Structures are given as C-alpha cells and as structure tokens.
Amino acid sequence: MTTMNKTFEHYLALSYPCELVRDEEGIFVASHPDLPGCLAQGESANEAVANLDEARHTWISYRFENGLPIPEPVDEKY
C-alpha cells in the first residue's frame, strides 16, 4: 500500500475492479471498491465508466502528491 519507489504512472496503469449500479432515478454510478470514495456517475453506463476513469486519475494524483497510501487492486480469483 505504500508509494515508496513506485511512480504515479505505475498506479495509473493498474487495473482496478469497477462496480457499476443504476440508482433509483436511473443514473449510473461507477466506483472502484479498492479506492475508497473514488466514484463517478453518468446518464449511461459508458458515461459513468468514462467519468470514473477521470475520477481515478484525480484520486490517485491527490494521494500520490500528498504522500498518502494508494492501495493496489486486490488480486481475487473467481
């Protein structure tokens, strides 16, 4: 979970699992469960996922610049 010796690009290149749900009002909400608070929404599933990509970049950027831990994706086999 540490950022020691790992570049910003390293974290951006990781494949974080994505969760996508539609709320009661029909808005799609996408999130990365491994990145607490990293979520986005959109009127379509594609828009929500595209917005999540931007949110992930911003989330990782903030944590990296402030020396905060950035979790890597949990490697789960299904």
Protein backbone atom coordinates (compact mmCIF):
# COMPACT_ATOMS: atom_id res chain seq x y z
CA MET A 1 0.00 0.00 0.00
CA THR A 2 3.00 2.28 0.15
CA THR A 3 4.01 4.67 -2.61
CA MET A 4 7.72 4.19 -1.92
CA ASN A 5 9.69 3.56 -5.12
CA LYS A 6 6.54 3.41 -7.24
CA THR A 7 5.73 6.04 -9.83
CA PHE A 8 2.49 7.84 -10.44
CA GLU A 9 2.30 6.05 -13.80
CA HIS A 10 2.59 2.70 -12.01
CA TYR A 11 -0.67 3.32 -10.16
CA LEU A 12 -2.46 4.69 -13.24
CA ALA A 13 -1.54 1.54 -15.17
CA LEU A 14 -3.09 -0.82 -12.61
CA SER A 15 -6.43 -2.45 -13.40
CA TYR A 16 -8.76 -1.64 -10.54
CA PRO A 17 -12.07 -3.55 -10.43
CA CYS A 18 -15.09 -1.42 -11.20
CA GLU A 19 -18.58 -1.66 -9.72
CA LEU A 20 -21.48 -0.24 -11.73
CA VAL A 21 -25.02 0.22 -10.42
CA ARG A 22 -28.10 2.11 -11.52
CA ASP A 23 -29.76 4.17 -8.81
CA GLU A 24 -33.50 4.67 -8.26
CA GLU A 25 -33.53 7.70 -10.58
CA GLY A 26 -31.87 5.83 -13.45
CA ILE A 27 -28.42 7.40 -13.02
CA PHE A 28 -25.47 5.04 -13.33
CA VAL A 29 -22.90 5.14 -10.53
CA ALA A 30 -19.45 3.61 -11.06
CA SER A 31 -16.87 3.09 -8.33
CA HIS A 32 -13.56 1.42 -7.59
CA PRO A 33 -14.10 -0.56 -4.36
CA ASP A 34 -10.32 -0.68 -3.78
CA LEU A 35 -10.13 3.15 -3.81
CA PRO A 36 -12.41 4.44 -1.02
CA GLY A 37 -14.50 7.39 -2.16
CA CYS A 38 -13.48 7.11 -5.80
CA LEU A 39 -16.74 7.17 -7.74
CA ALA A 40 -18.48 8.87 -10.62
CA GLN A 41 -21.87 8.95 -12.26
CA GLY A 42 -23.38 9.34 -15.68
CA GLU A 43 -26.60 9.11 -17.63
CA SER A 44 -25.34 5.92 -19.31
CA ALA A 45 -23.10 3.09 -18.17
CA ASN A 46 -20.42 4.18 -20.66
CA GLU A 47 -20.52 7.77 -19.42
CA ALA A 48 -20.25 6.68 -15.78
CA VAL A 49 -17.23 4.46 -16.53
CA ALA A 50 -15.55 7.23 -18.56
CA ASN A 51 -16.14 9.67 -15.70
CA LEU A 52 -14.76 7.09 -13.27
CA ASP A 53 -11.55 6.95 -15.27
CA GLU A 54 -11.14 10.71 -14.74
CA ALA A 55 -12.06 10.38 -11.06
CA ARG A 56 -9.47 7.59 -10.60
CA HIS A 57 -6.78 9.79 -12.15
CA THR A 58 -7.69 12.66 -9.80
CA TRP A 59 -7.94 10.35 -6.76
CA ILE A 60 -4.53 8.76 -7.39
CA SER A 61 -2.94 12.12 -8.25
CA TYR A 62 -4.08 13.71 -4.98
CA ARG A 63 -2.92 10.77 -2.87
CA PHE A 64 0.42 10.50 -4.69
CA GLU A 65 1.19 14.23 -4.44
CA ASN A 66 0.39 14.24 -0.72
CA GLY A 67 2.35 11.10 0.14
CA LEU A 68 -0.78 9.21 1.14
CA PRO A 69 -1.05 5.44 0.72
CA ILE A 70 -2.53 4.18 -2.53
CA PRO A 71 -3.90 0.65 -2.37
CA GLU A 72 -3.23 -1.69 -5.23
CA PRO A 73 -6.06 -3.84 -6.58
CA VAL A 74 -6.84 -6.92 -4.57
CA ASP A 75 -5.97 -9.98 -6.63
CA GLU A 76 -9.05 -12.16 -6.24
CA LYS A 77 -9.70 -15.25 -8.29
CA TYR A 78 -13.32 -16.01 -9.10
